[in-house]
Amino acid sequence: MNSIIIIVFDGLQPSQIEPHLTPNLFAFKNAGVCFNNHHPIFPSVTRANAASMVTGRHPGGHGLTGNTLVVPEFMPYTVIPALESQLESINQKTGKVLLSPTIADILGKENKKYVAIGTGTSGNAYIHNPLAEVSGGATIHPDFTLPRDLNQAIIDKFGEWPVEEVPNISRLAHSIKILKNYILEDIRPEVALLWSSEPDKSQHAFGVGSEISNTVLREVDNEFGMFMEWLNKSNVTPDIIIASDHGYSTIREVIDVSALLDQSHILDKYAPRNVSIAANGGSVLFYTQDHDHDITKDIAHWLMSQYWCGSITSSKDVEEISGTLPNSLIGLEGDREPDLVMSFRWDNEHNIHGYPGFVYSTSGQAGLGQHGSLSKHEMSNVLLADGPNFKKKMVIHNPTSNIDLAPTILDLLGVSTKTTFDGRVLEEALLGGIDPETIATELIVHTAEHNFDKSVYRQIIKLDKVENAIYPSQGNANLGSR
């Protein structure tokens, strides 16, 4: 039986896979396929990327546009966090947490199973298999399981989960124990996924490259190494995919966009019209009542006048706004798309630990880690693969993305589907697959500007294109003199 194990290290950066820091991951990288030009989707936040991994769609296609968002058919003007309780309520009311089927949904129709275990947020875990009661398979998390009655069985067999900490290594070790001794040995699913909340938690709390964060990376790598040692002694040879959901930046300054917008009074004339603002670290999503063009335009042009403003895109539901680019360019067009999306401005300066990339942020603390923006440092993440169906000792420089995982996994399992994907099968990495050098790639650059009396806002968004797949790679802006 073909089987696949996916291990996601939340927030792991390509530059952190080095012999002195993560020797086991480094060895894995050199043995199989290293995708050297891999991208998350935008916004570069965890739950949106997790949804893209399991659906093969950009956020516009799957409908989970951020860690916080508005779901219009659920609560039209209320910003909600994408956590298990809220997502379950959406499921109960609408029947659709995600607007596209997941790997679990597709495999369920083939009597195959997808089982995920994770130590990150409850929302991240939930979206891997929201319909587990119907599709089969399971999701296992310290706070809940799907199916629901699985939770007590897990506790009975393995004991209570360790208390959540930062660093969160004890929970990672516990989840690996469950992966080995229950998921892989008892259930034996076609696809098993393990999601580690580290190094993300530590980089948020202590900064990218800090002594604590580096210690956590070594501990995470050690856990991975022990798992691989156990797996090598077993009688199975699965394909193994190692990934991360996004890259990282360092916070330059925290910006309370909502408070500043209130203080500007530019929206006073529209009261009591609703404006909902969803903060997502390095990006902000704006929703206006009835997709009001004038309100959206005034917000957009106010943002463009701020020193911390980066790229801005706008919805198909509002008329064209000077200086913005369409949501559709970066994969955000869809039934739940925000009216306006702003990525904070970023730069290439190195932090005190030598890691490049500073960004403004809606939360956190200056000097600590953050993500969510179109910074090239956040739009670069990890993808490695090894196993019987992958080529050996190969570095692939063609652009790839998290949206490519679902179609590639289904192809490895020989499962055909009529499901629409934004991503593609990564044939260049598979045994007998095409030569990466024969794949045509294209860099697409979009620009826009808006003139003020004495200044001009200019933005640029860069996209990689491979076949029909589009991968946002970076976007930024500046405010200069006319």
Foldseek 3Di string as FASTA:
>chain_A
DAAEEEEAAAADFPVQLDCVQQVLVVVQQQWAEWAQFEFFAFLLAQQQRLLLLFFLAHCQQFVPHAQWAADCVQPNFDIDGQADVVLVSCCVVPVGSTNFDTLLQQVLVVVFEEEEEEEAGRSSQCSNCVPCVRSPYKGHYLVAIVVGVVPVVLCVVQNHADDADVVRLSNLLSRLCCCPPPVCPPVNGRYYYYYYHPPVSVLLVPNPLDPSNSVVSNSVSVSVVVSVVVVVPDPDFHKYKYWYSWHKAFEAEADQLVVVVVVVCPCVVVPPWGWHWDFHWQKIFIATVQLDQVVLQSSVVVLLVDQFWWAKEAEPSHPDHAFHHHPVQRRQYHDRHGGMMTGTAKDFDAAPSGHTMYHYTNDGHGRGMTGRGQALRTRGITIGIDTDFWGTSYYAHAYAYSSQNSQQSCVSVVRDDPTDRLGHHPQCGTVVGDPSVPWDKDKDKDKGKDDDPFKMKIKMWIWMDTDNHIHTRGMTIGIGTD
